[in-house]
């Protein structure tokens, strides 16, 4: 079954989310150290068919690329080199961390668990991916 992978790239950690086989729902999958993300995705691609990557792209409120955009651009080049046959879509990642914290609060997660940045990153990736999937419908 084909899967769409959502990615919230950061210089230290990368949140990863995955769609269900029908491409309706996004679920948090993992938080991976940035240095190991390509290796992680290659292992995942050996087990599942990846249809597309959806990468959160950092924009300022005025729509211009944010200060950390060059880091994401460099990652996108590495991703395209490692997976030349898999298309990549960019999705606005503004406010995803805020939405992730809100989702954790609404879900009843304890305050101490909400401080775990790994949880925030993979939930942010799921929010990015869900936004893409919702627009696609």
N, C-alpha and C. Protein backbone atom coordinates (compact mmCIF):
# COMPACT_ATOMS: atom_id res chain seq x y z
N UNK A 1 0.85 -1.18 0.00
CA UNK A 1 0.00 0.00 0.00
C UNK A 1 0.89 1.24 0.00
N UNK A 2 0.47 2.23 -0.75
CA UNK A 2 1.22 3.47 -0.84
C UNK A 2 1.01 4.34 0.39
N UNK A 3 2.08 4.99 0.80
CA UNK A 3 2.03 5.90 1.95
C UNK A 3 2.60 7.24 1.55
N UNK A 4 2.06 8.27 2.15
CA UNK A 4 2.63 9.61 2.02
C UNK A 4 3.31 9.91 3.35
N UNK A 5 4.52 10.43 3.27
CA UNK A 5 5.31 10.72 4.46
C UNK A 5 5.34 12.22 4.69
N UNK A 6 5.01 12.65 5.90
CA UNK A 6 5.09 14.04 6.30
C UNK A 6 6.36 14.27 7.09
N UNK A 7 7.04 15.38 6.81
CA UNK A 7 8.32 15.66 7.45
C UNK A 7 8.33 17.08 8.00
N UNK A 8 8.67 17.19 9.29
CA UNK A 8 8.90 18.48 9.93
C UNK A 8 10.39 18.53 10.22
N UNK A 9 11.15 19.16 9.30
CA UNK A 9 12.60 19.16 9.39
C UNK A 9 13.10 20.22 10.35
N UNK A 10 14.02 19.82 11.20
CA UNK A 10 14.70 20.75 12.10
C UNK A 10 16.18 20.43 12.11
N UNK A 11 16.99 21.38 12.51
CA UNK A 11 18.44 21.17 12.46
C UNK A 11 18.90 20.08 13.44
N UNK A 12 18.15 19.83 14.50
CA UNK A 12 18.52 18.79 15.46
C UNK A 12 17.69 17.53 15.29
N UNK A 13 16.38 17.70 15.12
CA UNK A 13 15.44 16.58 15.06
C UNK A 13 14.50 16.75 13.88
N UNK A 14 13.99 15.61 13.40
CA UNK A 14 13.03 15.61 12.31
C UNK A 14 11.81 14.81 12.74
N UNK A 15 10.65 15.46 12.72
CA UNK A 15 9.42 14.75 12.99
C UNK A 15 8.94 14.09 11.72
N UNK A 16 8.48 12.84 11.85
CA UNK A 16 8.02 12.08 10.70
C UNK A 16 6.60 11.59 10.98
N UNK A 17 5.75 11.72 9.98
CA UNK A 17 4.38 11.22 10.07
C UNK A 17 4.08 10.41 8.82
N UNK A 18 3.05 9.62 8.88
CA UNK A 18 2.70 8.76 7.74
C UNK A 18 1.19 8.78 7.54
N UNK A 19 0.78 8.66 6.29
CA UNK A 19 -0.65 8.58 5.99
C UNK A 19 -1.10 7.13 6.09
N UNK A 20 -2.40 6.96 6.22
CA UNK A 20 -2.96 5.62 6.10
C UNK A 20 -2.89 5.23 4.62
N UNK A 21 -3.10 3.96 4.27
CA UNK A 21 -2.98 3.55 2.87
C UNK A 21 -3.94 4.27 1.92
N UNK A 22 -5.06 4.75 2.41
CA UNK A 22 -6.02 5.45 1.55
C UNK A 22 -5.71 6.94 1.43
N UNK A 23 -4.75 7.43 2.18
CA UNK A 23 -4.38 8.83 2.11
C UNK A 23 -5.40 9.77 2.71
N UNK A 24 -6.06 9.32 3.78
CA UNK A 24 -7.09 10.13 4.43
C UNK A 24 -6.59 10.72 5.74
N UNK A 25 -5.89 9.91 6.54
CA UNK A 25 -5.46 10.32 7.87
C UNK A 25 -3.95 10.32 7.99
N UNK A 26 -3.43 11.28 8.74
CA UNK A 26 -2.01 11.33 9.06
C UNK A 26 -1.82 10.93 10.51
N UNK A 27 -0.77 10.16 10.76
CA UNK A 27 -0.44 9.74 12.12
C UNK A 27 1.02 10.03 12.41
N UNK A 28 1.32 10.51 13.62
CA UNK A 28 2.73 10.69 14.00
C UNK A 28 3.44 9.34 13.94
N UNK A 29 4.67 9.34 13.46
CA UNK A 29 5.39 8.08 13.32
C UNK A 29 6.61 8.04 14.24
N UNK A 30 7.51 9.01 14.08
CA UNK A 30 8.80 8.95 14.78
C UNK A 30 9.44 10.32 14.80
N UNK A 31 10.36 10.52 15.72
CA UNK A 31 11.26 11.66 15.69
C UNK A 31 12.67 11.10 15.57
N UNK A 32 13.38 11.61 14.57
CA UNK A 32 14.68 11.06 14.19
C UNK A 32 15.72 12.17 14.25
N UNK A 33 16.94 11.88 14.70
CA UNK A 33 18.00 12.90 14.62
C UNK A 33 18.20 13.32 13.17
N UNK A 34 18.40 14.60 12.95
CA UNK A 34 18.52 15.13 11.58
C UNK A 34 19.60 14.42 10.77
N UNK A 35 20.70 14.08 11.41
CA UNK A 35 21.80 13.43 10.71
C UNK A 35 21.44 12.04 10.20
N UNK A 36 20.38 11.43 10.75
CA UNK A 36 20.02 10.06 10.38
C UNK A 36 18.71 9.97 9.58
N UNK A 37 18.14 11.09 9.18
CA UNK A 37 16.81 11.05 8.56
C UNK A 37 16.81 10.34 7.21
N UNK A 38 17.80 10.55 6.37
CA UNK A 38 17.81 9.87 5.07
C UNK A 38 17.92 8.37 5.26
N UNK A 39 18.79 7.95 6.15
CA UNK A 39 18.94 6.52 6.45
C UNK A 39 17.62 5.94 6.97
N UNK A 40 16.95 6.67 7.86
CA UNK A 40 15.67 6.22 8.39
C UNK A 40 14.63 6.07 7.28
N UNK A 41 14.56 7.05 6.40
CA UNK A 41 13.59 7.00 5.30
C UNK A 41 13.90 5.88 4.32
N UNK A 42 15.17 5.60 4.11
CA UNK A 42 15.54 4.49 3.22
C UNK A 42 15.09 3.16 3.81
N UNK A 43 15.27 2.98 5.11
CA UNK A 43 14.78 1.75 5.77
C UNK A 43 13.27 1.66 5.67
N UNK A 44 12.60 2.78 5.88
CA UNK A 44 11.14 2.79 5.79
C UNK A 44 10.69 2.43 4.37
N UNK A 45 11.39 2.99 3.37
CA UNK A 45 11.03 2.73 1.98
C UNK A 45 11.25 1.27 1.60
N UNK A 46 12.12 0.58 2.30
CA UNK A 46 12.31 -0.85 2.04
C UNK A 46 11.13 -1.68 2.55
N UNK A 47 10.41 -1.16 3.53
CA UNK A 47 9.28 -1.88 4.12
C UNK A 47 7.94 -1.45 3.53
N UNK A 48 7.82 -0.20 3.12
CA UNK A 48 6.56 0.35 2.61
C UNK A 48 6.83 1.12 1.31
N UNK A 49 5.80 1.23 0.50
CA UNK A 49 5.92 2.02 -0.73
C UNK A 49 5.58 3.47 -0.41
N UNK A 50 6.54 4.36 -0.64
CA UNK A 50 6.32 5.78 -0.39
C UNK A 50 5.88 6.43 -1.69
N UNK A 51 4.70 7.01 -1.66
CA UNK A 51 4.12 7.66 -2.83
C UNK A 51 4.62 9.09 -3.00
N UNK A 52 4.83 9.78 -1.87
CA UNK A 52 5.21 11.19 -1.90
C UNK A 52 5.72 11.60 -0.52
N UNK A 53 6.59 12.60 -0.53
CA UNK A 53 7.02 13.26 0.70
C UNK A 53 6.34 14.62 0.76
N UNK A 54 5.88 14.98 1.93
CA UNK A 54 5.34 16.32 2.17
C UNK A 54 6.21 16.94 3.26
N UNK A 55 6.93 17.98 2.87
CA UNK A 55 7.89 18.60 3.78
C UNK A 55 7.36 19.96 4.21
N UNK A 56 7.36 20.20 5.51
CA UNK A 56 6.97 21.50 6.03
C UNK A 56 8.01 22.54 5.66
N UNK A 57 7.55 23.65 5.09
CA UNK A 57 8.47 24.69 4.67
C UNK A 57 8.27 25.92 5.54
N UNK A 58 9.35 26.42 6.16
CA UNK A 58 9.22 27.54 7.10
C UNK A 58 9.05 28.88 6.39
N UNK A 59 7.95 29.53 6.68
CA UNK A 59 7.65 30.85 6.12
C UNK A 59 7.39 31.84 7.25
N UNK A 60 7.71 33.09 6.99
CA UNK A 60 7.36 34.16 7.92
C UNK A 60 5.89 34.51 7.73
N UNK A 61 5.37 35.34 8.61
CA UNK A 61 3.96 35.74 8.51
C UNK A 61 3.65 36.44 7.18
N UNK A 62 4.65 37.12 6.60
CA UNK A 62 4.43 37.81 5.32
C UNK A 62 4.57 36.88 4.12
N UNK A 63 4.84 35.59 4.36
CA UNK A 63 4.93 34.61 3.29
C UNK A 63 6.34 34.42 2.74
N UNK A 64 7.29 35.22 3.18
CA UNK A 64 8.68 35.07 2.75
C UNK A 64 9.32 33.90 3.49
N UNK A 65 10.31 33.24 2.88
CA UNK A 65 10.99 32.15 3.58
C UNK A 65 11.60 32.63 4.91
N UNK A 66 11.48 31.80 5.92
CA UNK A 66 12.01 32.12 7.25
C UNK A 66 13.52 31.94 7.27
N UNK A 67 14.13 32.38 8.35
CA UNK A 67 15.58 32.34 8.50
C UNK A 67 16.13 30.92 8.38
N UNK A 68 15.36 29.93 8.81
CA UNK A 68 15.84 28.55 8.77
C UNK A 68 15.54 27.85 7.44
N UNK A 69 14.95 28.54 6.48
CA UNK A 69 14.62 27.95 5.19
C UNK A 69 15.83 27.36 4.46
N UNK A 70 17.02 27.99 4.51
CA UNK A 70 18.17 27.37 3.83
C UNK A 70 18.50 25.96 4.34
N UNK A 71 18.26 25.71 5.63
CA UNK A 71 18.48 24.36 6.17
C UNK A 71 17.51 23.36 5.53
N UNK A 72 16.27 23.78 5.37
CA UNK A 72 15.27 22.92 4.75
C UNK A 72 15.61 22.73 3.27
N UNK A 73 16.05 23.79 2.61
CA UNK A 73 16.45 23.67 1.20
C UNK A 73 17.58 22.65 1.03
N UNK A 74 18.55 22.68 1.93
CA UNK A 74 19.66 21.72 1.86
C UNK A 74 19.14 20.30 2.08
N UNK A 75 18.21 20.13 3.02
CA UNK A 75 17.61 18.82 3.24
C UNK A 75 16.84 18.36 2.01
N UNK A 76 16.10 19.26 1.38
CA UNK A 76 15.34 18.90 0.19
C UNK A 76 16.25 18.38 -0.92
N UNK A 77 17.42 18.97 -1.07
CA UNK A 77 18.38 18.49 -2.07
C UNK A 77 18.84 17.07 -1.74
N UNK A 78 19.14 16.82 -0.47
CA UNK A 78 19.55 15.48 -0.05
C UNK A 78 18.43 14.47 -0.25
N UNK A 79 17.21 14.88 0.05
CA UNK A 79 16.05 14.01 -0.11
C UNK A 79 15.84 13.65 -1.58
N UNK A 80 15.91 14.65 -2.46
CA UNK A 80 15.74 14.41 -3.89
C UNK A 80 16.84 13.51 -4.44
N UNK A 81 18.05 13.67 -3.93
CA UNK A 81 19.17 12.84 -4.39
C UNK A 81 18.98 11.39 -3.95
N UNK A 82 18.51 11.18 -2.73
CA UNK A 82 18.31 9.84 -2.19
C UNK A 82 17.08 9.15 -2.78
N UNK A 83 16.06 9.95 -3.14
CA UNK A 83 14.79 9.40 -3.64
C UNK A 83 14.38 10.14 -4.92
N UNK A 84 15.12 9.98 -6.01
CA UNK A 84 14.85 10.77 -7.21
C UNK A 84 13.49 10.49 -7.86
N UNK A 85 12.91 9.34 -7.58
CA UNK A 85 11.64 8.97 -8.22
C UNK A 85 10.40 9.28 -7.37
N UNK A 86 10.61 9.82 -6.19
CA UNK A 86 9.47 10.11 -5.30
C UNK A 86 9.27 11.62 -5.27
N UNK A 87 8.06 12.08 -5.66
CA UNK A 87 7.81 13.52 -5.65
C UNK A 87 7.77 14.10 -4.24
N UNK A 88 8.10 15.39 -4.17
CA UNK A 88 8.11 16.11 -2.90
C UNK A 88 7.18 17.31 -3.02
N UNK A 89 6.29 17.45 -2.06
CA UNK A 89 5.41 18.61 -1.98
C UNK A 89 5.81 19.42 -0.75
N UNK A 90 5.71 20.73 -0.87
CA UNK A 90 6.01 21.61 0.26
C UNK A 90 4.69 22.10 0.87
N UNK A 91 4.68 22.16 2.17
CA UNK A 91 3.48 22.59 2.90
C UNK A 91 3.89 23.64 3.92
N UNK A 92 3.14 24.70 4.00
CA UNK A 92 3.40 25.78 4.97
C UNK A 92 3.38 25.21 6.38
N UNK A 93 4.47 25.44 7.12
CA UNK A 93 4.54 24.90 8.48
C UNK A 93 4.32 25.94 9.56
N UNK A 94 3.85 27.13 9.18
CA UNK A 94 3.60 28.15 10.20
C UNK A 94 2.60 27.63 11.22
N UNK A 95 2.88 27.87 12.46
CA UNK A 95 1.99 27.57 13.60
C UNK A 95 1.84 26.08 13.90
N UNK A 96 2.58 25.19 13.22
CA UNK A 96 2.38 23.77 13.50
C UNK A 96 2.79 23.39 14.92
N UNK A 97 3.83 24.02 15.45
CA UNK A 97 4.23 23.70 16.83
C UNK A 97 3.16 24.14 17.82
N UNK A 98 2.55 25.29 17.57
CA UNK A 98 1.47 25.78 18.43
C UNK A 98 0.28 24.82 18.35
N UNK A 99 -0.05 24.39 17.13
CA UNK A 99 -1.16 23.45 16.95
C UNK A 99 -0.84 22.10 17.60
N UNK A 100 0.42 21.67 17.53
CA UNK A 100 0.81 20.40 18.16
C UNK A 100 0.64 20.48 19.67
N UNK A 101 1.07 21.60 20.27
CA UNK A 101 0.88 21.77 21.72
C UNK A 101 -0.61 21.77 22.08
N UNK A 102 -1.41 22.44 21.27
CA UNK A 102 -2.85 22.48 21.52
C UNK A 102 -3.45 21.07 21.42
N UNK A 103 -3.01 20.29 20.43
CA UNK A 103 -3.51 18.92 20.28
C UNK A 103 -3.13 18.06 21.48
N UNK A 104 -1.94 18.27 22.00
CA UNK A 104 -1.51 17.50 23.17
C UNK A 104 -2.33 17.87 24.40
N UNK A 105 -2.62 19.15 24.56
CA UNK A 105 -3.45 19.60 25.68
C UNK A 105 -4.86 19.04 25.53
N UNK A 106 -5.42 19.19 24.33
CA UNK A 106 -6.78 18.70 24.08
C UNK A 106 -6.87 17.18 24.24
N UNK A 107 -5.77 16.50 23.96
CA UNK A 107 -5.74 15.04 24.10
C UNK A 107 -5.50 14.58 25.52
N UNK A 108 -5.31 15.52 26.45
CA UNK A 108 -5.15 15.17 27.85
C UNK A 108 -3.74 14.77 28.24
N UNK A 109 -2.76 15.11 27.41
CA UNK A 109 -1.38 14.76 27.71
C UNK A 109 -0.89 15.56 28.92
N UNK A 110 -0.17 14.90 29.81
CA UNK A 110 0.37 15.57 30.99
C UNK A 110 1.36 16.66 30.59
N UNK A 111 1.48 17.67 31.44
CA UNK A 111 2.38 18.78 31.16
C UNK A 111 3.82 18.30 30.98
N UNK A 112 4.24 17.36 31.80
CA UNK A 112 5.62 16.86 31.69
C UNK A 112 5.85 16.16 30.35
N UNK A 113 4.83 15.47 29.84
CA UNK A 113 4.94 14.80 28.54
C UNK A 113 4.93 15.81 27.39
N UNK A 114 4.22 16.92 27.59
CA UNK A 114 4.16 17.95 26.53
C UNK A 114 5.48 18.67 26.36
N UNK A 115 6.35 18.60 27.35
CA UNK A 115 7.68 19.22 27.24
C UNK A 115 8.63 18.42 26.36
N UNK A 116 8.27 17.18 26.06
CA UNK A 116 9.10 16.32 25.23
C UNK A 116 9.06 16.81 23.78
N UNK A 117 10.16 17.38 23.32
CA UNK A 117 10.21 17.97 21.98
C UNK A 117 10.05 16.91 20.90
N UNK A 118 10.38 15.66 21.19
CA UNK A 118 10.18 14.59 20.22
C UNK A 118 8.70 14.44 19.88
N UNK A 119 7.86 14.53 20.90
CA UNK A 119 6.41 14.43 20.67
C UNK A 119 5.91 15.60 19.84
N UNK A 120 6.38 16.79 20.15
CA UNK A 120 5.97 17.98 19.40
C UNK A 120 6.35 17.85 17.94
N UNK A 121 7.57 17.37 17.66
CA UNK A 121 8.05 17.27 16.29
C UNK A 121 7.24 16.29 15.45
N UNK A 122 6.95 15.12 16.00
CA UNK A 122 6.21 14.14 15.20
C UNK A 122 4.73 14.53 15.08
N UNK A 123 4.18 15.19 16.08
CA UNK A 123 2.81 15.67 15.95
C UNK A 123 2.75 16.82 14.94
N UNK A 124 3.77 17.68 14.93
CA UNK A 124 3.85 18.75 13.94
C UNK A 124 3.91 18.15 12.53
N UNK A 125 4.68 17.09 12.36
CA UNK A 125 4.76 16.42 11.05
C UNK A 125 3.40 15.89 10.64
N UNK A 126 2.64 15.36 11.59
CA UNK A 126 1.30 14.85 11.28
C UNK A 126 0.36 16.00 10.90
N UNK A 127 0.50 17.15 11.54
CA UNK A 127 -0.33 18.31 11.21
C UNK A 127 0.01 18.80 9.80
N UNK A 128 1.29 18.85 9.47
CA UNK A 128 1.72 19.24 8.12
C UNK A 128 1.13 18.29 7.09
N UNK A 129 1.28 17.00 7.34
CA UNK A 129 0.77 15.99 6.41
C UNK A 129 -0.74 16.04 6.30
N UNK A 130 -1.44 16.18 7.42
CA UNK A 130 -2.90 16.24 7.38
C UNK A 130 -3.38 17.44 6.59
N UNK A 131 -2.70 18.57 6.73
CA UNK A 131 -3.05 19.76 5.94
C UNK A 131 -2.95 19.48 4.45
N UNK A 132 -1.90 18.80 4.05
CA UNK A 132 -1.71 18.43 2.65
C UNK A 132 -2.83 17.47 2.20
N UNK A 133 -3.09 16.45 3.00
CA UNK A 133 -4.11 15.46 2.63
C UNK A 133 -5.48 16.09 2.51
N UNK A 134 -5.80 17.03 3.42
CA UNK A 134 -7.10 17.71 3.39
C UNK A 134 -7.25 18.55 2.13
N UNK A 135 -6.18 19.23 1.72
CA UNK A 135 -6.23 20.05 0.51
C UNK A 135 -6.35 19.21 -0.74
N UNK A 136 -5.77 18.01 -0.69
CA UNK A 136 -5.77 17.11 -1.84
C UNK A 136 -7.16 16.56 -2.15
N UNK A 137 -7.99 16.47 -1.13
CA UNK A 137 -9.34 15.90 -1.31
C UNK A 137 -10.26 16.82 -2.06
